[in-house]
Amino acid sequence: MNDSSTAPVANEDVAWASIETPLDVDELKLFCQDIERLFRINPMLIFKDWQANKEDGFQFSGQNISQEEAFDFDLTLSINAVTDGVQINYQQGVKSSTTFTIEAADSGSNLNSKSKLTITENYNGMSEQERKENLHTVDRSLTVWAKYLQQYFLSWQRWSRFGLWRWYMKRVWQPMKPSGRRITYMLLWITAFEIALIILGVAIYYIEYA
């Protein structure tokens, strides 16, 4: 089950979303140390560049398509490790920080859920007037991002023990644009369907003529 707030409006300081995951707390903390992967899972971000900077943070740029009219971004991130997760601070833009808070799953949660991840986006770095003036650059992808993270965690739990899968996700899937991922997904399903039809045809042939 997911809990999420609405996207922030002019007089709001915080937006948040929570998801349950099949990873235990330590596994989830380790996963969240890969900051680039966390951001690239977000299907609303089209990356132009991502690189580490000298201050042990990151510089990344691209386009955000979470609004009706997409907008470009160029951000510098600094990372703070906290006891129960990680905090990402932004030196530019409307958003001041994103915090990933990790805890054990609530009692009564789905039997497959071992941990809970809460993503909190803070907008208190700007005054209300400044936020009003920059509403067109507010990142409204939080709910979608949380959904895709949860899907990724489920796949990770199922397939990460296979080295080939990890290599594909890291080296091929992760650098792709969101549109490229969708096209690849459709092509894989079409290929699988065609292979199934060939196998079915061969099976029918041998049943009738062998």
C-alpha atoms as a PDB file:
ATOM      1  CA  MET A   1       0.000   0.000   0.000  1.00  0.00           C
ATOM      2  CA  ASN A   2       1.221   3.495  -0.816  1.00  0.00           C
ATOM      3  CA  ASP A   3       0.475   6.698   1.063  1.00  0.00           C
ATOM      4  CA  SER A   4       1.198   9.974  -0.633  1.00  0.00           C
ATOM      5  CA  SER A   5       0.504  13.672  -0.324  1.00  0.00           C
ATOM      6  CA  THR A   6      -0.533  15.939  -3.144  1.00  0.00           C
ATOM      7  CA  ALA A   7       2.094  18.025  -4.916  1.00  0.00           C
ATOM      8  CA  PRO A   8       2.974  21.207  -2.965  1.00  0.00           C
ATOM      9  CA  VAL A   9       1.118  24.407  -3.702  1.00  0.00           C
ATOM     10  CA  ALA A  10       2.149  27.942  -2.988  1.00  0.00           C
ATOM     11  CA  ASN A  11       1.596  27.879   0.786  1.00  0.00           C
ATOM     12  CA  GLU A  12       2.919  24.354   1.433  1.00  0.00           C
ATOM     13  CA  ASP A  13       6.449  23.500   2.509  1.00  0.00           C
ATOM     14  CA  VAL A  14       6.510  19.695   2.226  1.00  0.00           C
ATOM     15  CA  ALA A  15       5.315  16.877  -0.022  1.00  0.00           C
ATOM     16  CA  TRP A  16       5.755  13.209   0.821  1.00  0.00           C
ATOM     17  CA  ALA A  17       5.052   9.652  -0.323  1.00  0.00           C
ATOM     18  CA  SER A  18       5.525   6.310   1.438  1.00  0.00           C
ATOM     19  CA  ILE A  19       5.901   2.832  -0.048  1.00  0.00           C
ATOM     20  CA  GLU A  20       6.442  -0.631   1.364  1.00  0.00           C
ATOM     21  CA  THR A  21       9.295  -2.719  -0.019  1.00  0.00           C
ATOM     22  CA  PRO A  22      10.317  -6.412   0.021  1.00  0.00           C
ATOM     23  CA  LEU A  23      13.879  -5.477   1.063  1.00  0.00           C
ATOM     24  CA  ASP A  24      14.929  -5.573   4.690  1.00  0.00           C
ATOM     25  CA  VAL A  25      16.061  -2.344   6.325  1.00  0.00           C
ATOM     26  CA  ASP A  26      19.791  -2.935   5.787  1.00  0.00           C
ATOM     27  CA  GLU A  27      19.291  -3.923   2.131  1.00  0.00           C
ATOM     28  CA  LEU A  28      17.194  -0.810   1.514  1.00  0.00           C
ATOM     29  CA  LYS A  29      19.783   1.452   3.167  1.00  0.00           C
ATOM     30  CA  LEU A  30      22.480  -0.036   0.941  1.00  0.00           C
ATOM     31  CA  PHE A  31      20.291   0.415  -2.154  1.00  0.00           C
ATOM     32  CA  CYS A  32      19.639   4.072  -1.326  1.00  0.00           C
ATOM     33  CA  GLN A  33      23.365   4.835  -1.221  1.00  0.00           C
ATOM     34  CA  ASP A  34      23.340   4.777  -5.038  1.00  0.00           C
ATOM     35  CA  ILE A  35      21.934   8.283  -5.514  1.00  0.00           C
ATOM     36  CA  GLU A  36      22.170   8.269  -9.297  1.00  0.00           C
ATOM     37  CA  ARG A  37      20.132   5.073  -9.562  1.00  0.00           C
ATOM     38  CA  LEU A  38      17.412   6.513  -7.309  1.00  0.00           C
ATOM     39  CA  PHE A  39      17.012   9.537  -9.573  1.00  0.00           C
ATOM     40  CA  ARG A  40      17.248   7.615 -12.844  1.00  0.00           C
ATOM     41  CA  ILE A  41      14.383   5.337 -11.794  1.00  0.00           C
ATOM     42  CA  ASN A  42      12.144   8.424 -11.890  1.00  0.00           C
ATOM     43  CA  PRO A  43      10.399   8.244 -15.320  1.00  0.00           C
ATOM     44  CA  MET A  44       9.644  11.970 -15.277  1.00  0.00           C
ATOM     45  CA  LEU A  45      13.308  12.951 -15.563  1.00  0.00           C
ATOM     46  CA  ILE A  46      15.132  12.965 -18.892  1.00  0.00           C
ATOM     47  CA  PHE A  47      18.846  13.169 -18.139  1.00  0.00           C
ATOM     48  CA  LYS A  48      21.321  15.221 -20.122  1.00  0.00           C
ATOM     49  CA  ASP A  49      24.286  14.809 -17.767  1.00  0.00           C
ATOM     50  CA  TRP A  50      25.184  13.314 -14.391  1.00  0.00           C
ATOM     51  CA  GLN A  51      28.586  13.607 -12.768  1.00  0.00           C
ATOM     52  CA  ALA A  52      30.214  13.663  -9.345  1.00  0.00           C
ATOM     53  CA  ASN A  53      31.694  16.958  -8.171  1.00  0.00           C
ATOM     54  CA  LYS A  54      34.664  17.736  -5.969  1.00  0.00           C
ATOM     55  CA  GLU A  55      32.482  18.326  -2.898  1.00  0.00           C
ATOM     56  CA  ASP A  56      31.373  14.671  -2.720  1.00  0.00           C
ATOM     57  CA  GLY A  57      28.061  15.597  -4.301  1.00  0.00           C
ATOM     58  CA  PHE A  58      26.631  15.519  -7.811  1.00  0.00           C
ATOM     59  CA  GLN A  59      25.835  17.833 -10.688  1.00  0.00           C
ATOM     60  CA  PHE A  60      23.051  16.823 -13.043  1.00  0.00           C
ATOM     61  CA  SER A  61      20.951  18.406 -15.734  1.00  0.00           C
ATOM     62  CA  GLY A  62      18.129  17.482 -18.040  1.00  0.00           C
ATOM     63  CA  GLN A  63      14.402  17.972 -18.517  1.00  0.00           C
ATOM     64  CA  ASN A  64      11.527  17.392 -16.109  1.00  0.00           C
ATOM     65  CA  ILE A  65       8.306  16.283 -17.827  1.00  0.00           C
ATOM     66  CA  SER A  66       6.107  16.086 -14.714  1.00  0.00           C
ATOM     67  CA  GLN A  67       4.353  19.360 -15.590  1.00  0.00           C
ATOM     68  CA  GLU A  68       2.127  19.943 -18.607  1.00  0.00           C
ATOM     69  CA  GLU A  69       4.893  22.122 -19.991  1.00  0.00           C
ATOM     70  CA  ALA A  70       8.249  20.401 -19.451  1.00  0.00           C
ATOM     71  CA  PHE A  71      11.074  22.464 -17.972  1.00  0.00           C
ATOM     72  CA  ASP A  72      14.859  22.184 -17.995  1.00  0.00           C
ATOM     73  CA  PHE A  73      16.928  21.850 -14.831  1.00  0.00           C
ATOM     74  CA  ASP A  74      20.589  22.057 -13.852  1.00  0.00           C
ATOM     75  CA  LEU A  75      21.120  21.114 -10.208  1.00  0.00           C
ATOM     76  CA  THR A  76      23.947  20.618  -7.744  1.00  0.00           C
ATOM     77  CA  LEU A  77      23.322  18.034  -5.019  1.00  0.00           C
ATOM     78  CA  SER A  78      25.018  17.502  -1.686  1.00  0.00           C
ATOM     79  CA  ILE A  79      24.449  14.316   0.290  1.00  0.00           C
ATOM     80  CA  ASN A  80      23.976  13.964   4.047  1.00  0.00           C
ATOM     81  CA  ALA A  81      23.890  10.475   5.533  1.00  0.00           C
ATOM     82  CA  VAL A  82      21.365  10.250   8.365  1.00  0.00           C
ATOM     83  CA  THR A  83      20.726   7.433  10.814  1.00  0.00           C
ATOM     84  CA  ASP A  84      17.560   6.213   9.139  1.00  0.00           C
ATOM     85  CA  GLY A  85      18.321   7.030   5.507  1.00  0.00           C
ATOM     86  CA  VAL A  86      19.814   9.761   3.359  1.00  0.00           C
ATOM     87  CA  GLN A  87      19.133  13.456   2.748  1.00  0.00           C
ATOM     88  CA  ILE A  88      19.786  15.158  -0.587  1.00  0.00           C
ATOM     89  CA  ASN A  89      20.150  18.944  -0.586  1.00  0.00           C
ATOM     90  CA  TYR A  90      19.733  21.148  -3.671  1.00  0.00           C
ATOM     91  CA  GLN A  91      21.740  24.301  -4.235  1.00  0.00           C
ATOM     92  CA  GLN A  92      19.365  25.538  -6.970  1.00  0.00           C
ATOM     93  CA  GLY A  93      15.678  25.331  -7.752  1.00  0.00           C
ATOM     94  CA  VAL A  94      12.421  25.488  -5.809  1.00  0.00           C
ATOM     95  CA  LYS A  95      13.038  22.272  -3.880  1.00  0.00           C
ATOM     96  CA  SER A  96      15.470  22.551  -0.967  1.00  0.00           C
ATOM     97  CA  SER A  97      15.869  18.860  -0.073  1.00  0.00           C
ATOM     98  CA  THR A  98      14.674  15.303  -0.604  1.00  0.00           C
ATOM     99  CA  THR A  99      14.938  12.895   2.320  1.00  0.00           C
ATOM    100  CA  PHE A 100      14.674   9.112   2.043  1.00  0.00           C
ATOM    101  CA  THR A 101      13.626   7.755   5.447  1.00  0.00           C
ATOM    102  CA  ILE A 102      13.898   3.993   5.997  1.00  0.00           C
ATOM    103  CA  GLU A 103      12.154   1.975   8.694  1.00  0.00           C
ATOM    104  CA  ALA A 104      10.836  -1.507   9.323  1.00  0.00           C
ATOM    105  CA  ALA A 105       7.447  -2.268   7.795  1.00  0.00           C
ATOM    106  CA  ASP A 106       4.456  -1.617  10.010  1.00  0.00           C
ATOM    107  CA  SER A 107       2.873  -4.529  11.830  1.00  0.00           C
ATOM    108  CA  GLY A 108      -0.067  -5.775   9.807  1.00  0.00           C
ATOM    109  CA  SER A 109       1.602  -4.874   6.514  1.00  0.00           C
ATOM    110  CA  ASN A 110       1.698  -7.185   3.530  1.00  0.00           C
ATOM    111  CA  LEU A 111       3.559 -10.398   4.429  1.00  0.00           C
ATOM    112  CA  ASN A 112       6.077  -9.689   1.659  1.00  0.00           C
ATOM    113  CA  SER A 113       6.861  -6.209   2.985  1.00  0.00           C
ATOM    114  CA  LYS A 114       9.938  -5.913   5.184  1.00  0.00           C
ATOM    115  CA  SER A 115      10.607  -2.183   5.138  1.00  0.00           C
ATOM    116  CA  LYS A 116       8.991   1.155   4.509  1.00  0.00           C
ATOM    117  CA  LEU A 117      10.500   4.020   2.503  1.00  0.00           C
ATOM    118  CA  THR A 118       9.211   7.554   2.925  1.00  0.00           C
ATOM    119  CA  ILE A 119      10.305  10.220   0.450  1.00  0.00           C
ATOM    120  CA  THR A 120       9.912  13.752   1.793  1.00  0.00           C
ATOM    121  CA  GLU A 121      10.452  16.780  -0.439  1.00  0.00           C
ATOM    122  CA  ASN A 122      11.016  20.056   1.367  1.00  0.00           C
ATOM    123  CA  TYR A 123      10.312  23.474  -0.166  1.00  0.00           C
ATOM    124  CA  ASN A 124      11.062  25.706   2.827  1.00  0.00           C
ATOM    125  CA  GLY A 125      14.120  27.276   1.189  1.00  0.00           C
ATOM    126  CA  MET A 126      11.943  29.850  -0.570  1.00  0.00           C
ATOM    127  CA  SER A 127       9.387  32.340   0.634  1.00  0.00           C
ATOM    128  CA  GLU A 128       5.736  31.891  -0.293  1.00  0.00           C
ATOM    129  CA  GLN A 129       6.018  34.655  -2.868  1.00  0.00           C
ATOM    130  CA  GLU A 130       9.057  33.029  -4.500  1.00  0.00           C
ATOM    131  CA  ARG A 131       7.259  29.689  -4.663  1.00  0.00           C
ATOM    132  CA  LYS A 132       4.279  31.333  -6.368  1.00  0.00           C
ATOM    133  CA  GLU A 133       6.587  32.836  -8.960  1.00  0.00           C
ATOM    134  CA  ASN A 134       8.264  29.476  -9.632  1.00  0.00           C
ATOM    135  CA  LEU A 135       5.303  27.083  -9.626  1.00  0.00           C
ATOM    136  CA  HIS A 136       6.058  26.226 -13.252  1.00  0.00           C
ATOM    137  CA  THR A 137       9.331  24.600 -12.126  1.00  0.00           C
ATOM    138  CA  VAL A 138       7.913  22.544  -9.238  1.00  0.00           C
ATOM    139  CA  ASP A 139       8.750  18.860  -9.606  1.00  0.00           C
ATOM    140  CA  ARG A 140       5.376  17.059  -9.566  1.00  0.00           C
ATOM    141  CA  SER A 141       6.774  13.574 -10.110  1.00  0.00           C
ATOM    142  CA  LEU A 142       6.834  12.409  -6.473  1.00  0.00           C
ATOM    143  CA  THR A 143       3.882   9.993  -6.579  1.00  0.00           C
ATOM    144  CA  VAL A 144       4.978   8.494  -9.899  1.00  0.00           C
ATOM    145  CA  TRP A 145       8.574   8.251  -8.666  1.00  0.00           C
ATOM    146  CA  ALA A 146       7.472   6.366  -5.547  1.00  0.00           C
ATOM    147  CA  LYS A 147       5.404   3.966  -7.674  1.00  0.00           C
ATOM    148  CA  TYR A 148       8.320   3.205  -9.994  1.00  0.00           C
ATOM    149  CA  LEU A 149      10.699   2.773  -7.068  1.00  0.00           C
ATOM    150  CA  GLN A 150       8.350   0.217  -5.545  1.00  0.00           C
ATOM    151  CA  GLN A 151       8.174  -1.675  -8.840  1.00  0.00           C
ATOM    152  CA  TYR A 152      11.963  -1.601  -9.096  1.00  0.00           C
ATOM    153  CA  PHE A 153      12.337  -2.962  -5.552  1.00  0.00           C
ATOM    154  CA  LEU A 154      10.041  -5.874  -6.406  1.00  0.00           C
ATOM    155  CA  SER A 155      12.116  -6.668  -9.497  1.00  0.00           C
ATOM    156  CA  TRP A 156      15.336  -6.256  -7.515  1.00  0.00           C
ATOM    157  CA  GLN A 157      14.154  -8.716  -4.872  1.00  0.00           C
ATOM    158  CA  ARG A 158      13.276 -11.257  -7.563  1.00  0.00           C
ATOM    159  CA  TRP A 159      16.146 -10.928 -10.025  1.00  0.00           C
ATOM    160  CA  SER A 160      19.153  -9.206  -8.429  1.00  0.00           C
ATOM    161  CA  ARG A 161      20.819 -12.526  -7.578  1.00  0.00           C
ATOM    162  CA  PHE A 162      21.487 -12.930 -11.308  1.00  0.00           C
ATOM    163  CA  GLY A 163      24.611 -11.073 -12.418  1.00  0.00           C
ATOM    164  CA  LEU A 164      23.390 -10.685 -16.013  1.00  0.00           C
ATOM    165  CA  TRP A 165      20.208  -8.945 -14.820  1.00  0.00           C
ATOM    166  CA  ARG A 166      22.172  -6.565 -12.603  1.00  0.00           C
ATOM    167  CA  TRP A 167      24.541  -5.777 -15.499  1.00  0.00           C
ATOM    168  CA  TYR A 168      21.621  -5.097 -17.866  1.00  0.00           C
ATOM    169  CA  MET A 169      19.832  -2.806 -15.406  1.00  0.00           C
ATOM    170  CA  LYS A 170      23.008  -0.885 -14.560  1.00  0.00           C
ATOM    171  CA  ARG A 171      24.638  -0.615 -17.985  1.00  0.00           C
ATOM    172  CA  VAL A 172      21.696  -0.723 -20.400  1.00  0.00           C
ATOM    173  CA  TRP A 173      18.372   0.085 -18.715  1.00  0.00           C
ATOM    174  CA  GLN A 174      19.519   2.807 -16.322  1.00  0.00           C
ATOM    175  CA  PRO A 175      21.089   5.165 -18.922  1.00  0.00           C
ATOM    176  CA  MET A 176      18.050   4.881 -21.214  1.00  0.00           C
ATOM    177  CA  LYS A 177      15.535   7.672 -21.590  1.00  0.00           C
ATOM    178  CA  PRO A 178      12.055   6.783 -20.237  1.00  0.00           C
ATOM    179  CA  SER A 179      10.716   6.536 -23.797  1.00  0.00           C
ATOM    180  CA  GLY A 180      13.526   4.131 -24.716  1.00  0.00           C
ATOM    181  CA  ARG A 181      12.652   1.908 -21.769  1.00  0.00           C
ATOM    182  CA  ARG A 182       9.014   1.746 -22.856  1.00  0.00           C
ATOM    183  CA  ILE A 183       9.963   0.884 -26.432  1.00  0.00           C
ATOM    184  CA  THR A 184      12.412  -1.801 -25.265  1.00  0.00           C
ATOM    185  CA  TYR A 185       9.750  -3.271 -22.968  1.00  0.00           C
ATOM    186  CA  MET A 186       7.241  -3.503 -25.839  1.00  0.00           C
ATOM    187  CA  LEU A 187       9.823  -5.023 -28.192  1.00  0.00           C
ATOM    188  CA  LEU A 188      10.718  -7.675 -25.617  1.00  0.00           C
ATOM    189  CA  TRP A 189       7.064  -8.637 -25.216  1.00  0.00           C
ATOM    190  CA  ILE A 190       6.552  -8.738 -28.981  1.00  0.00           C
ATOM    191  CA  THR A 191       9.658 -10.920 -29.376  1.00  0.00           C
ATOM    192  CA  ALA A 192       8.491 -13.253 -26.607  1.00  0.00           C
ATOM    193  CA  PHE A 193       5.070 -13.527 -28.257  1.00  0.00           C
ATOM    194  CA  GLU A 194       6.621 -14.322 -31.637  1.00  0.00           C
ATOM    195  CA  ILE A 195       8.847 -17.006 -30.108  1.00  0.00           C
ATOM    196  CA  ALA A 196       5.819 -18.515 -28.377  1.00  0.00           C
ATOM    197  CA  LEU A 197       3.957 -18.636 -31.714  1.00  0.00           C
ATOM    198  CA  ILE A 198       6.909 -20.359 -33.391  1.00  0.00           C
ATOM    199  CA  ILE A 199       7.109 -22.940 -30.626  1.00  0.00           C
ATOM    200  CA  LEU A 200       3.352 -23.498 -30.863  1.00  0.00           C
ATOM    201  CA  GLY A 201       3.595 -23.948 -34.644  1.00  0.00           C
ATOM    202  CA  VAL A 202       6.426 -26.468 -34.295  1.00  0.00           C
ATOM    203  CA  ALA A 203       4.495 -28.357 -31.627  1.00  0.00           C
ATOM    204  CA  ILE A 204       1.357 -28.541 -33.824  1.00  0.00           C
ATOM    205  CA  TYR A 205       3.424 -29.723 -36.779  1.00  0.00           C
ATOM    206  CA  TYR A 206       4.976 -32.565 -34.820  1.00  0.00           C
ATOM    207  CA  ILE A 207       1.642 -33.574 -33.287  1.00  0.00           C
ATOM    208  CA  GLU A 208      -0.046 -33.831 -36.700  1.00  0.00           C
ATOM    209  CA  TYR A 209       2.774 -35.070 -38.915  1.00  0.00           C
ATOM    210  CA  ALA A 210       5.391 -36.759 -36.757  1.00  0.00           C
END
